[in-house]
Amino acid sequence: MNLINNKTVKQIVFALLSTSSLFAQTNLDSQLKESAEKVFKTYCWGCHHQTSIAFGPSFKEIANKREKGEIMGYIASPLSLYKEQGYKRSVMPSFANHLSAKELDVIADYIISFKEDK
């Protein structure tokens, strides 16, 4: 199992926060939305739902608490970040070896699209 140290994760998160999103939060391009929904159904649906709590927090809850870079970092290496993000434990597996950079970006944008307007 390939573990990423906290310094590397923080560098990744910083780099991700520094880059611009591929598309606006509430106006997902239909092709990218289809891609995001495919990633969601393949990897996320077992534990997360869009607006209601399942085994894990809903995308709506995540989007209201986190920035895109934090979401991407957590998906890639949850065991390195769970304490920093206020969780007592994490049973979420790492998806760093399962998702391409584009899929990670697309699913993060999809999650962010559930953010409530305040």
PDB file of N, CA and C in Angstrom:
ATOM      1  N   MET A   1       0.847  -1.173   0.000  1.00  0.00           N
ATOM      2  CA  MET A   1       0.000   0.000   0.000  1.00  0.00           C
ATOM      3  C   MET A   1       0.898   1.244   0.000  1.00  0.00           C
ATOM      4  N   ASN A   2       0.608   2.143  -0.887  1.00  0.00           N
ATOM      5  CA  ASN A   2       1.414   3.345  -1.037  1.00  0.00           C
ATOM      6  C   ASN A   2       0.800   4.471  -0.203  1.00  0.00           C
ATOM      7  N   LEU A   3       1.483   4.865   0.873  1.00  0.00           N
ATOM      8  CA  LEU A   3       0.993   5.939   1.732  1.00  0.00           C
ATOM      9  C   LEU A   3       1.657   7.248   1.361  1.00  0.00           C
ATOM     10  N   ILE A   4       0.903   8.310   1.425  1.00  0.00           N
ATOM     11  CA  ILE A   4       1.410   9.643   1.144  1.00  0.00           C
ATOM     12  C   ILE A   4       1.576  10.345   2.479  1.00  0.00           C
ATOM     13  N   ASN A   5       2.711  10.997   2.698  1.00  0.00           N
ATOM     14  CA  ASN A   5       2.896  11.675   3.978  1.00  0.00           C
ATOM     15  C   ASN A   5       2.107  12.980   4.010  1.00  0.00           C
ATOM     16  N   ASN A   6       1.907  13.514   5.218  1.00  0.00           N
ATOM     17  CA  ASN A   6       1.094  14.725   5.391  1.00  0.00           C
ATOM     18  C   ASN A   6       1.639  15.912   4.616  1.00  0.00           C
ATOM     19  N   LYS A   7       2.969  16.062   4.566  1.00  0.00           N
ATOM     20  CA  LYS A   7       3.558  17.180   3.836  1.00  0.00           C
ATOM     21  C   LYS A   7       3.193  17.106   2.362  1.00  0.00           C
ATOM     22  N   THR A   8       3.265  15.908   1.791  1.00  0.00           N
ATOM     23  CA  THR A   8       2.912  15.727   0.376  1.00  0.00           C
ATOM     24  C   THR A   8       1.437  16.034   0.147  1.00  0.00           C
ATOM     25  N   VAL A   9       0.580  15.561   1.036  1.00  0.00           N
ATOM     26  CA  VAL A   9      -0.860  15.808   0.907  1.00  0.00           C
ATOM     27  C   VAL A   9      -1.140  17.309   0.980  1.00  0.00           C
ATOM     28  N   LYS A  10      -0.486  17.990   1.923  1.00  0.00           N
ATOM     29  CA  LYS A  10      -0.695  19.433   2.047  1.00  0.00           C
ATOM     30  C   LYS A  10      -0.223  20.166   0.799  1.00  0.00           C
ATOM     31  N   GLN A  11       0.881  19.706   0.203  1.00  0.00           N
ATOM     32  CA  GLN A  11       1.372  20.316  -1.031  1.00  0.00           C
ATOM     33  C   GLN A  11       0.383  20.092  -2.172  1.00  0.00           C
ATOM     34  N   ILE A  12      -0.189  18.882  -2.228  1.00  0.00           N
ATOM     35  CA  ILE A  12      -1.184  18.572  -3.266  1.00  0.00           C
ATOM     36  C   ILE A  12      -2.405  19.455  -3.078  1.00  0.00           C
ATOM     37  N   VAL A  13      -2.893  19.549  -1.840  1.00  0.00           N
ATOM     38  CA  VAL A  13      -4.085  20.361  -1.563  1.00  0.00           C
ATOM     39  C   VAL A  13      -3.824  21.822  -1.919  1.00  0.00           C
ATOM     40  N   PHE A  14      -2.660  22.348  -1.561  1.00  0.00           N
ATOM     41  CA  PHE A  14      -2.322  23.732  -1.888  1.00  0.00           C
ATOM     42  C   PHE A  14      -2.310  23.933  -3.396  1.00  0.00           C
ATOM     43  N   ALA A  15      -1.690  22.991  -4.121  1.00  0.00           N
ATOM     44  CA  ALA A  15      -1.630  23.100  -5.584  1.00  0.00           C
ATOM     45  C   ALA A  15      -3.030  23.060  -6.184  1.00  0.00           C
ATOM     46  N   LEU A  16      -3.886  22.205  -5.638  1.00  0.00           N
ATOM     47  CA  LEU A  16      -5.244  22.095  -6.152  1.00  0.00           C
ATOM     48  C   LEU A  16      -6.055  23.351  -5.860  1.00  0.00           C
ATOM     49  N   LEU A  17      -5.836  23.921  -4.678  1.00  0.00           N
ATOM     50  CA  LEU A  17      -6.540  25.158  -4.340  1.00  0.00           C
ATOM     51  C   LEU A  17      -6.104  26.309  -5.234  1.00  0.00           C
ATOM     52  N   SER A  18      -4.882  26.218  -5.741  1.00  0.00           N
ATOM     53  CA  SER A  18      -4.332  27.285  -6.570  1.00  0.00           C
ATOM     54  C   SER A  18      -4.810  27.221  -8.013  1.00  0.00           C
ATOM     55  N   THR A  19      -5.384  26.101  -8.415  1.00  0.00           N
ATOM     56  CA  THR A  19      -5.825  25.958  -9.800  1.00  0.00           C
ATOM     57  C   THR A  19      -7.293  26.317  -9.916  1.00  0.00           C
ATOM     58  N   SER A  20      -7.708  26.732 -11.090  1.00  0.00           N
ATOM     59  CA  SER A  20      -9.109  27.097 -11.283  1.00  0.00           C
ATOM     60  C   SER A  20      -9.939  25.877 -11.647  1.00  0.00           C
ATOM     61  N   SER A  21     -11.196  25.939 -11.346  1.00  0.00           N
ATOM     62  CA  SER A  21     -12.132  24.857 -11.624  1.00  0.00           C
ATOM     63  C   SER A  21     -12.370  24.733 -13.117  1.00  0.00           C
ATOM     64  N   LEU A  22     -12.676  23.505 -13.582  1.00  0.00           N
ATOM     65  CA  LEU A  22     -12.971  23.288 -14.996  1.00  0.00           C
ATOM     66  C   LEU A  22     -14.314  23.898 -15.395  1.00  0.00           C
ATOM     67  N   PHE A  23     -15.208  24.030 -14.449  1.00  0.00           N
ATOM     68  CA  PHE A  23     -16.524  24.584 -14.753  1.00  0.00           C
ATOM     69  C   PHE A  23     -17.141  25.169 -13.506  1.00  0.00           C
ATOM     70  N   ALA A  24     -18.163  25.993 -13.683  1.00  0.00           N
ATOM     71  CA  ALA A  24     -18.823  26.657 -12.562  1.00  0.00           C
ATOM     72  C   ALA A  24     -19.524  25.630 -11.685  1.00  0.00           C
ATOM     73  N   GLN A  25     -19.627  25.938 -10.394  1.00  0.00           N
ATOM     74  CA  GLN A  25     -20.198  25.012  -9.419  1.00  0.00           C
ATOM     75  C   GLN A  25     -21.628  24.609  -9.760  1.00  0.00           C
ATOM     76  N   THR A  26     -22.467  25.547 -10.095  1.00  0.00           N
ATOM     77  CA  THR A  26     -23.878  25.240 -10.287  1.00  0.00           C
ATOM     78  C   THR A  26     -24.262  25.027 -11.742  1.00  0.00           C
ATOM     79  N   ASN A  27     -23.332  25.141 -12.658  1.00  0.00           N
ATOM     80  CA  ASN A  27     -23.644  25.006 -14.083  1.00  0.00           C
ATOM     81  C   ASN A  27     -22.724  23.963 -14.703  1.00  0.00           C
ATOM     82  N   LEU A  28     -22.893  22.702 -14.298  1.00  0.00           N
ATOM     83  CA  LEU A  28     -22.032  21.645 -14.807  1.00  0.00           C
ATOM     84  C   LEU A  28     -22.315  21.379 -16.276  1.00  0.00           C
ATOM     85  N   ASP A  29     -21.279  21.333 -17.068  1.00  0.00           N
ATOM     86  CA  ASP A  29     -21.395  20.944 -18.453  1.00  0.00           C
ATOM     87  C   ASP A  29     -21.988  19.538 -18.490  1.00  0.00           C
ATOM     88  N   SER A  30     -22.923  19.263 -19.401  1.00  0.00           N
ATOM     89  CA  SER A  30     -23.633  17.988 -19.391  1.00  0.00           C
ATOM     90  C   SER A  30     -22.702  16.778 -19.548  1.00  0.00           C
ATOM     91  N   GLN A  31     -21.686  16.876 -20.381  1.00  0.00           N
ATOM     92  CA  GLN A  31     -20.757  15.760 -20.546  1.00  0.00           C
ATOM     93  C   GLN A  31     -19.955  15.522 -19.264  1.00  0.00           C
ATOM     94  N   LEU A  32     -19.506  16.589 -18.642  1.00  0.00           N
ATOM     95  CA  LEU A  32     -18.773  16.452 -17.389  1.00  0.00           C
ATOM     96  C   LEU A  32     -19.678  15.967 -16.274  1.00  0.00           C
ATOM     97  N   LYS A  33     -20.943  16.411 -16.293  1.00  0.00           N
ATOM     98  CA  LYS A  33     -21.895  15.952 -15.284  1.00  0.00           C
ATOM     99  C   LYS A  33     -22.121  14.454 -15.430  1.00  0.00           C
ATOM    100  N   GLU A  34     -22.253  13.976 -16.660  1.00  0.00           N
ATOM    101  CA  GLU A  34     -22.415  12.539 -16.884  1.00  0.00           C
ATOM    102  C   GLU A  34     -21.202  11.777 -16.357  1.00  0.00           C
ATOM    103  N   SER A  35     -20.028  12.303 -16.611  1.00  0.00           N
ATOM    104  CA  SER A  35     -18.799  11.687 -16.123  1.00  0.00           C
ATOM    105  C   SER A  35     -18.782  11.665 -14.599  1.00  0.00           C
ATOM    106  N   ALA A  36     -19.166  12.762 -13.983  1.00  0.00           N
ATOM    107  CA  ALA A  36     -19.197  12.854 -12.521  1.00  0.00           C
ATOM    108  C   ALA A  36     -20.193  11.865 -11.934  1.00  0.00           C
ATOM    109  N   GLU A  37     -21.365  11.763 -12.559  1.00  0.00           N
ATOM    110  CA  GLU A  37     -22.376  10.839 -12.064  1.00  0.00           C
ATOM    111  C   GLU A  37     -21.914   9.387 -12.204  1.00  0.00           C
ATOM    112  N   LYS A  38     -21.169   9.097 -13.264  1.00  0.00           N
ATOM    113  CA  LYS A  38     -20.624   7.743 -13.437  1.00  0.00           C
ATOM    114  C   LYS A  38     -19.608   7.439 -12.328  1.00  0.00           C
ATOM    115  N   VAL A  39     -18.719   8.388 -12.042  1.00  0.00           N
ATOM    116  CA  VAL A  39     -17.746   8.217 -10.955  1.00  0.00           C
ATOM    117  C   VAL A  39     -18.492   8.051  -9.633  1.00  0.00           C
ATOM    118  N   PHE A  40     -19.494   8.897  -9.400  1.00  0.00           N
ATOM    119  CA  PHE A  40     -20.294   8.830  -8.171  1.00  0.00           C
ATOM    120  C   PHE A  40     -20.932   7.456  -8.006  1.00  0.00           C
ATOM    121  N   LYS A  41     -21.578   6.971  -9.048  1.00  0.00           N
ATOM    122  CA  LYS A  41     -22.260   5.676  -8.961  1.00  0.00           C
ATOM    123  C   LYS A  41     -21.277   4.522  -8.800  1.00  0.00           C
ATOM    124  N   THR A  42     -20.094   4.655  -9.382  1.00  0.00           N
ATOM    125  CA  THR A  42     -19.087   3.591  -9.298  1.00  0.00           C
ATOM    126  C   THR A  42     -18.403   3.561  -7.946  1.00  0.00           C
ATOM    127  N   TYR A  43     -18.023   4.717  -7.423  1.00  0.00           N
ATOM    128  CA  TYR A  43     -17.163   4.757  -6.236  1.00  0.00           C
ATOM    129  C   TYR A  43     -17.808   5.319  -4.965  1.00  0.00           C
ATOM    130  N   CYS A  44     -18.821   6.152  -5.083  1.00  0.00           N
ATOM    131  CA  CYS A  44     -19.302   6.900  -3.921  1.00  0.00           C
ATOM    132  C   CYS A  44     -20.652   6.444  -3.372  1.00  0.00           C
ATOM    133  N   TRP A  45     -21.519   5.977  -4.255  1.00  0.00           N
ATOM    134  CA  TRP A  45     -22.912   5.717  -3.907  1.00  0.00           C
ATOM    135  C   TRP A  45     -23.078   4.754  -2.735  1.00  0.00           C
ATOM    136  N   GLY A  46     -22.187   3.811  -2.543  1.00  0.00           N
ATOM    137  CA  GLY A  46     -22.314   2.858  -1.451  1.00  0.00           C
ATOM    138  C   GLY A  46     -22.312   3.509  -0.076  1.00  0.00           C
ATOM    139  N   CYS A  47     -21.647   4.640   0.055  1.00  0.00           N
ATOM    140  CA  CYS A  47     -21.517   5.298   1.362  1.00  0.00           C
ATOM    141  C   CYS A  47     -22.057   6.724   1.412  1.00  0.00           C
ATOM    142  N   HIS A  48     -22.180   7.388   0.271  1.00  0.00           N
ATOM    143  CA  HIS A  48     -22.600   8.793   0.239  1.00  0.00           C
ATOM    144  C   HIS A  48     -23.793   8.966  -0.699  1.00  0.00           C
ATOM    145  N   HIS A  49     -24.698   9.837  -0.295  1.00  0.00           N
ATOM    146  CA  HIS A  49     -25.802  10.237  -1.173  1.00  0.00           C
ATOM    147  C   HIS A  49     -25.668  11.738  -1.392  1.00  0.00           C
ATOM    148  N   GLN A  50     -26.360  12.229  -2.394  1.00  0.00           N
ATOM    149  CA  GLN A  50     -26.193  13.635  -2.737  1.00  0.00           C
ATOM    150  C   GLN A  50     -26.666  14.587  -1.640  1.00  0.00           C
ATOM    151  N   THR A  51     -27.858  14.362  -1.113  1.00  0.00           N
ATOM    152  CA  THR A  51     -28.409  15.337  -0.163  1.00  0.00           C
ATOM    153  C   THR A  51     -28.820  14.752   1.178  1.00  0.00           C
ATOM    154  N   SER A  52     -28.729  13.445   1.355  1.00  0.00           N
ATOM    155  CA  SER A  52     -29.089  12.860   2.650  1.00  0.00           C
ATOM    156  C   SER A  52     -27.927  12.028   3.187  1.00  0.00           C
ATOM    157  N   ILE A  53     -27.871  11.919   4.493  1.00  0.00           N
ATOM    158  CA  ILE A  53     -26.793  11.179   5.124  1.00  0.00           C
ATOM    159  C   ILE A  53     -27.009   9.688   4.905  1.00  0.00           C
ATOM    160  N   ALA A  54     -25.971   8.999   4.534  1.00  0.00           N
ATOM    161  CA  ALA A  54     -25.977   7.541   4.398  1.00  0.00           C
ATOM    162  C   ALA A  54     -24.947   7.041   5.412  1.00  0.00           C
ATOM    163  N   PHE A  55     -24.079   6.143   5.024  1.00  0.00           N
ATOM    164  CA  PHE A  55     -23.007   5.707   5.915  1.00  0.00           C
ATOM    165  C   PHE A  55     -22.032   6.858   6.152  1.00  0.00           C
ATOM    166  N   GLY A  56     -21.744   7.602   5.100  1.00  0.00           N
ATOM    167  CA  GLY A  56     -20.883   8.776   5.186  1.00  0.00           C
ATOM    168  C   GLY A  56     -21.715  10.032   5.012  1.00  0.00           C
ATOM    169  N   PRO A  57     -21.107  11.197   5.196  1.00  0.00           N
ATOM    170  CA  PRO A  57     -21.865  12.456   5.048  1.00  0.00           C
ATOM    171  C   PRO A  57     -22.342  12.666   3.611  1.00  0.00           C
ATOM    172  N   SER A  58     -23.422  13.410   3.479  1.00  0.00           N
ATOM    173  CA  SER A  58     -23.958  13.717   2.154  1.00  0.00           C
ATOM    174  C   SER A  58     -23.029  14.676   1.417  1.00  0.00           C
ATOM    175  N   PHE A  59     -23.141  14.688   0.092  1.00  0.00           N
ATOM    176  CA  PHE A  59     -22.359  15.636  -0.701  1.00  0.00           C
ATOM    177  C   PHE A  59     -22.724  17.068  -0.314  1.00  0.00           C
ATOM    178  N   LYS A  60     -23.986  17.283   0.000  1.00  0.00           N
ATOM    179  CA  LYS A  60     -24.440  18.617   0.417  1.00  0.00           C
ATOM    180  C   LYS A  60     -23.693  19.054   1.676  1.00  0.00           C
ATOM    181  N   GLU A  61     -23.597  18.161   2.662  1.00  0.00           N
ATOM    182  CA  GLU A  61     -22.888  18.483   3.902  1.00  0.00           C
ATOM    183  C   GLU A  61     -21.406  18.734   3.641  1.00  0.00           C
ATOM    184  N   ILE A  62     -20.800  17.884   2.829  1.00  0.00           N
ATOM    185  CA  ILE A  62     -19.380  18.037   2.497  1.00  0.00           C
ATOM    186  C   ILE A  62     -19.148  19.372   1.792  1.00  0.00           C
ATOM    187  N   ALA A  63     -19.982  19.670   0.801  1.00  0.00           N
ATOM    188  CA  ALA A  63     -19.822  20.896   0.013  1.00  0.00           C
ATOM    189  C   ALA A  63     -19.963  22.142   0.873  1.00  0.00           C
ATOM    190  N   ASN A  64     -20.826  22.086   1.883  1.00  0.00           N
ATOM    191  CA  ASN A  64     -21.035  23.244   2.743  1.00  0.00           C
ATOM    192  C   ASN A  64     -19.901  23.449   3.746  1.00  0.00           C
ATOM    193  N   LYS A  65     -19.061  22.439   3.950  1.00  0.00           N
ATOM    194  CA  LYS A  65     -17.976  22.539   4.927  1.00  0.00           C
ATOM    195  C   LYS A  65     -16.593  22.655   4.292  1.00  0.00           C
ATOM    196  N   ARG A  66     -16.418  22.240   3.041  1.00  0.00           N
ATOM    197  CA  ARG A  66     -15.088  22.093   2.456  1.00  0.00           C
ATOM    198  C   ARG A  66     -14.938  22.852   1.146  1.00  0.00           C
ATOM    199  N   GLU A  67     -13.686  23.199   0.863  1.00  0.00           N
ATOM    200  CA  GLU A  67     -13.328  23.762  -0.436  1.00  0.00           C
ATOM    201  C   GLU A  67     -12.968  22.601  -1.362  1.00  0.00           C
ATOM    202  N   LYS A  68     -12.941  22.870  -2.635  1.00  0.00           N
ATOM    203  CA  LYS A  68     -12.666  21.828  -3.628  1.00  0.00           C
ATOM    204  C   LYS A  68     -11.341  21.114  -3.362  1.00  0.00           C
ATOM    205  N   GLY A  69     -10.291  21.832  -3.084  1.00  0.00           N
ATOM    206  CA  GLY A  69      -8.986  21.222  -2.845  1.00  0.00           C
ATOM    207  C   GLY A  69      -8.994  20.295  -1.639  1.00  0.00           C
ATOM    208  N   GLU A  70      -9.732  20.674  -0.601  1.00  0.00           N
ATOM    209  CA  GLU A  70      -9.850  19.815   0.576  1.00  0.00           C
ATOM    210  C   GLU A  70     -10.569  18.519   0.231  1.00  0.00           C
ATOM    211  N   ILE A  71     -11.597  18.635  -0.585  1.00  0.00           N
ATOM    212  CA  ILE A  71     -12.363  17.456  -1.002  1.00  0.00           C
ATOM    213  C   ILE A  71     -11.466  16.522  -1.819  1.00  0.00           C
ATOM    214  N   MET A  72     -10.732  17.095  -2.760  1.00  0.00           N
ATOM    215  CA  MET A  72      -9.851  16.276  -3.600  1.00  0.00           C
ATOM    216  C   MET A  72      -8.763  15.598  -2.762  1.00  0.00           C
ATOM    217  N   GLY A  73      -8.180  16.346  -1.841  1.00  0.00           N
ATOM    218  CA  GLY A  73      -7.154  15.777  -0.974  1.00  0.00           C
ATOM    219  C   GLY A  73      -7.693  14.648  -0.124  1.00  0.00           C
ATOM    220  N   TYR A  74      -8.915  14.811   0.388  1.00  0.00           N
ATOM    221  CA  TYR A  74      -9.518  13.795   1.243  1.00  0.00           C
ATOM    222  C   TYR A  74      -9.841  12.535   0.446  1.00  0.00           C
ATOM    223  N   ILE A  75     -10.338  12.697  -0.759  1.00  0.00           N
ATOM    224  CA  ILE A  75     -10.637  11.534  -1.605  1.00  0.00           C
ATOM    225  C   ILE A  75      -9.353  10.769  -1.908  1.00  0.00           C
ATOM    226  N   ALA A  76      -8.284  11.496  -2.178  1.00  0.00           N
ATOM    227  CA  ALA A  76      -7.012  10.862  -2.529  1.00  0.00           C
ATOM    228  C   ALA A  76      -6.342  10.209  -1.324  1.00  0.00           C
ATOM    229  N   SER A  77      -6.451  10.807  -0.144  1.00  0.00           N
ATOM    230  CA  SER A  77      -5.739  10.281   1.016  1.00  0.00           C
ATOM    231  C   SER A  77      -6.478  10.589   2.319  1.00  0.00           C
ATOM    232  N   PRO A  78      -7.618   9.921   2.549  1.00  0.00           N
ATOM    233  CA  PRO A  78      -8.417  10.227   3.732  1.00  0.00           C
ATOM    234  C   PRO A  78      -7.702   9.966   5.056  1.00  0.00           C
ATOM    235  N   LEU A  79      -6.864   8.953   5.114  1.00  0.00           N
ATOM    236  CA  LEU A  79      -6.184   8.641   6.371  1.00  0.00           C
ATOM    237  C   LEU A  79      -5.162   9.698   6.753  1.00  0.00           C
ATOM    238  N   SER A  80      -4.710  10.484   5.794  1.00  0.00           N
ATOM    239  CA  SER A  80      -3.760  11.560   6.090  1.00  0.00           C
ATOM    240  C   SER A  80      -4.448  12.844   6.540  1.00  0.00           C
ATOM    241  N   LEU A  81      -5.737  12.970   6.271  1.00  0.00           N
ATOM    242  CA  LEU A  81      -6.420  14.247   6.513  1.00  0.00           C
ATOM    243  C   LEU A  81      -7.594  14.211   7.479  1.00  0.00           C
ATOM    244  N   TYR A  82      -8.043  13.033   7.889  1.00  0.00           N
ATOM    245  CA  TYR A  82      -9.292  12.996   8.654  1.00  0.00           C
ATOM    246  C   TYR A  82      -9.242  13.803   9.951  1.00  0.00           C
ATOM    247  N   LYS A  83      -8.128  13.778  10.661  1.00  0.00           N
ATOM    248  CA  LYS A  83      -8.037  14.539  11.915  1.00  0.00           C
ATOM    249  C   LYS A  83      -8.057  16.042  11.651  1.00  0.00           C
ATOM    250  N   GLU A  84      -7.345  16.470  10.607  1.00  0.00           N
ATOM    251  CA  GLU A  84      -7.318  17.901  10.257  1.00  0.00           C
ATOM    252  C   GLU A  84      -8.702  18.418   9.888  1.00  0.00           C
ATOM    253  N   GLN A  85      -9.541  17.521   9.336  1.00  0.00           N
ATOM    254  CA  GLN A  85     -10.871  17.945   8.917  1.00  0.00           C
ATOM    255  C   GLN A  85     -11.932  17.704   9.992  1.00  0.00           C
ATOM    256  N   GLY A  86     -11.483  17.357  11.204  1.00  0.00           N
ATOM    257  CA  GLY A  86     -12.394  17.283  12.334  1.00  0.00           C
ATOM    258  C   GLY A  86     -13.082  15.952  12.560  1.00  0.00           C
ATOM    259  N   TYR A  87     -12.627  14.899  11.909  1.00  0.00           N
ATOM    260  CA  TYR A  87     -13.228  13.590  12.108  1.00  0.00           C
ATOM    261  C   TYR A  87     -12.430  12.803  13.141  1.00  0.00           C
ATOM    262  N   LYS A  88     -13.111  11.963  13.917  1.00  0.00           N
ATOM    263  CA  LYS A  88     -12.438  11.132  14.916  1.00  0.00           C
ATOM    264  C   LYS A  88     -11.809   9.897  14.280  1.00  0.00           C
ATOM    265  N   ARG A  89     -12.340   9.481  13.165  1.00  0.00           N
ATOM    266  CA  ARG A  89     -11.811   8.319  12.454  1.00  0.00           C
ATOM    267  C   ARG A  89     -12.215   8.414  10.990  1.00  0.00           C
ATOM    268  N   SER A  90     -11.623   7.549  10.191  1.00  0.00           N
ATOM    269  CA  SER A  90     -12.009   7.480   8.781  1.00  0.00           C
ATOM    270  C   SER A  90     -11.972   6.033   8.325  1.00  0.00           C
ATOM    271  N   VAL A  91     -13.061   5.591   7.762  1.00  0.00           N
ATOM    272  CA  VAL A  91     -13.103   4.252   7.183  1.00  0.00           C
ATOM    273  C   VAL A  91     -13.105   4.337   5.651  1.00  0.00           C
ATOM    274  N   MET A  92     -13.066   5.568   5.156  1.00  0.00           N
ATOM    275  CA  MET A  92     -13.058   5.764   3.704  1.00  0.00           C
ATOM    276  C   MET A  92     -11.715   5.312   3.135  1.00  0.00           C
ATOM    277  N   PRO A  93     -11.762   4.490   2.094  1.00  0.00           N
ATOM    278  CA  PRO A  93     -10.506   4.072   1.458  1.00  0.00           C
ATOM    279  C   PRO A  93      -9.949   5.184   0.578  1.00  0.00           C
ATOM    280  N   SER A  94      -8.683   5.116   0.282  1.00  0.00           N
ATOM    281  CA  SER A  94      -8.066   6.060  -0.645  1.00  0.00           C
ATOM    282  C   SER A  94      -8.480   5.702  -2.069  1.00  0.00           C
ATOM    283  N   PHE A  95      -8.763   6.715  -2.845  1.00  0.00           N
ATOM    284  CA  PHE A  95      -9.095   6.496  -4.253  1.00  0.00           C
ATOM    285  C   PHE A  95      -7.991   7.020  -5.162  1.00  0.00           C
ATOM    286  N   ALA A  96      -6.833   7.320  -4.593  1.00  0.00           N
ATOM    287  CA  ALA A  96      -5.702   7.849  -5.370  1.00  0.00           C
ATOM    288  C   ALA A  96      -5.299   6.919  -6.507  1.00  0.00           C
ATOM    289  N   ASN A  97      -5.390   5.626  -6.289  1.00  0.00           N
ATOM    290  CA  ASN A  97      -4.996   4.661  -7.319  1.00  0.00           C
ATOM    291  C   ASN A  97      -6.167   4.182  -8.168  1.00  0.00           C
ATOM    292  N   HIS A  98      -7.354   4.725  -7.922  1.00  0.00           N
ATOM    293  CA  HIS A  98      -8.546   4.304  -8.659  1.00  0.00           C
ATOM    294  C   HIS A  98      -9.089   5.378  -9.596  1.00  0.00           C
ATOM    295  N   LEU A  99      -8.828   6.634  -9.271  1.00  0.00           N
ATOM    296  CA  LEU A  99      -9.359   7.740 -10.060  1.00  0.00           C
ATOM    297  C   LEU A  99      -8.237   8.464 -10.790  1.00  0.00           C
ATOM    298  N   SER A 100      -8.509   8.826 -12.032  1.00  0.00           N
ATOM    299  CA  SER A 100      -7.560   9.662 -12.769  1.00  0.00           C
ATOM    300  C   SER A 100      -7.660  11.087 -12.218  1.00  0.00           C
ATOM    301  N   ALA A 101      -6.712  11.919 -12.556  1.00  0.00           N
ATOM    302  CA  ALA A 101      -6.746  13.319 -12.119  1.00  0.00           C
ATOM    303  C   ALA A 101      -8.022  13.996 -12.608  1.00  0.00           C
ATOM    304  N   LYS A 102      -8.433  13.704 -13.829  1.00  0.00           N
ATOM    305  CA  LYS A 102      -9.656  14.302 -14.381  1.00  0.00           C
ATOM    306  C   LYS A 102     -10.892  13.815 -13.616  1.00  0.00           C
ATOM    307  N   GLU A 103     -10.950  12.505 -13.309  1.00  0.00           N
ATOM    308  CA  GLU A 103     -12.093  11.981 -12.557  1.00  0.00           C
ATOM    309  C   GLU A 103     -12.152  12.597 -11.159  1.00  0.00           C
ATOM    310  N   LEU A 104     -10.999  12.768 -10.544  1.00  0.00           N
ATOM    311  CA  LEU A 104     -10.945  13.390  -9.225  1.00  0.00           C
ATOM    312  C   LEU A 104     -11.447  14.831  -9.288  1.00  0.00           C
ATOM    313  N   ASP A 105     -11.036  15.557 -10.296  1.00  0.00           N
ATOM    314  CA  ASP A 105     -11.480  16.933 -10.491  1.00  0.00           C
ATOM    315  C   ASP A 105     -12.987  16.989 -10.734  1.00  0.00           C
ATOM    316  N   VAL A 106     -13.482  16.095 -11.580  1.00  0.00           N
ATOM    317  CA  VAL A 106     -14.905  16.073 -11.935  1.00  0.00           C
ATOM    318  C   VAL A 106     -15.768  15.723 -10.728  1.00  0.00           C
ATOM    319  N   ILE A 107     -15.358  14.722  -9.950  1.00  0.00           N
ATOM    320  CA  ILE A 107     -16.187  14.349  -8.796  1.00  0.00           C
ATOM    321  C   ILE A 107     -16.147  15.446  -7.734  1.00  0.00           C
ATOM    322  N   ALA A 108     -15.024  16.113  -7.581  1.00  0.00           N
ATOM    323  CA  ALA A 108     -14.952  17.222  -6.620  1.00  0.00           C
ATOM    324  C   ALA A 108     -15.880  18.360  -7.044  1.00  0.00           C
ATOM    325  N   ASP A 109     -15.899  18.675  -8.330  1.00  0.00           N
ATOM    326  CA  ASP A 109     -16.813  19.715  -8.823  1.00  0.00           C
ATOM    327  C   ASP A 109     -18.265  19.288  -8.640  1.00  0.00           C
ATOM    328  N   TYR A 110     -18.534  18.016  -8.860  1.00  0.00           N
ATOM    329  CA  TYR A 110     -19.887  17.487  -8.675  1.00  0.00           C
ATOM    330  C   TYR A 110     -20.307  17.638  -7.211  1.00  0.00           C
ATOM    331  N   ILE A 111     -19.435  17.289  -6.291  1.00  0.00           N
ATOM    332  CA  ILE A 111     -19.737  17.439  -4.864  1.00  0.00           C
ATOM    333  C   ILE A 111     -20.000  18.908  -4.525  1.00  0.00           C
ATOM    334  N   ILE A 112     -19.132  19.791  -5.001  1.00  0.00           N
ATOM    335  CA  ILE A 112     -19.270  21.222  -4.748  1.00  0.00           C
ATOM    336  C   ILE A 112     -20.590  21.773  -5.315  1.00  0.00           C
ATOM    337  N   SER A 113     -21.096  21.165  -6.375  1.00  0.00           N
ATOM    338  CA  SER A 113     -22.347  21.647  -6.981  1.00  0.00           C
ATOM    339  C   SER A 113     -23.535  21.526  -6.027  1.00  0.00           C
ATOM    340  N   PHE A 114     -23.402  20.780  -4.952  1.00  0.00           N
ATOM    341  CA  PHE A 114     -24.474  20.628  -3.969  1.00  0.00           C
ATOM    342  C   PHE A 114     -24.404  21.670  -2.849  1.00  0.00           C
ATOM    343  N   LYS A 115     -23.450  22.576  -2.932  1.00  0.00           N
ATOM    344  CA  LYS A 115     -23.300  23.612  -1.905  1.00  0.00           C
ATOM    345  C   LYS A 115     -24.534  24.514  -1.906  1.00  0.00           C
ATOM    346  N   GLU A 116     -25.028  24.780  -0.707  1.00  0.00           N
ATOM    347  CA  GLU A 116     -26.194  25.653  -0.570  1.00  0.00           C
ATOM    348  C   GLU A 116     -25.783  27.103  -0.682  1.00  0.00           C
ATOM    349  N   ASP A 117     -26.624  27.894  -1.328  1.00  0.00           N
ATOM    350  CA  ASP A 117     -26.402  29.329  -1.379  1.00  0.00           C
ATOM    351  C   ASP A 117     -26.730  29.910  -0.013  1.00  0.00           C
ATOM    352  N   LYS A 118     -25.863  30.781   0.467  1.00  0.00           N
ATOM    353  CA  LYS A 118     -26.118  31.370   1.799  1.00  0.00           C
ATOM    354  C   LYS A 118     -26.404  32.833   1.683  1.00  0.00           C
TER     355      LYS A 118
END
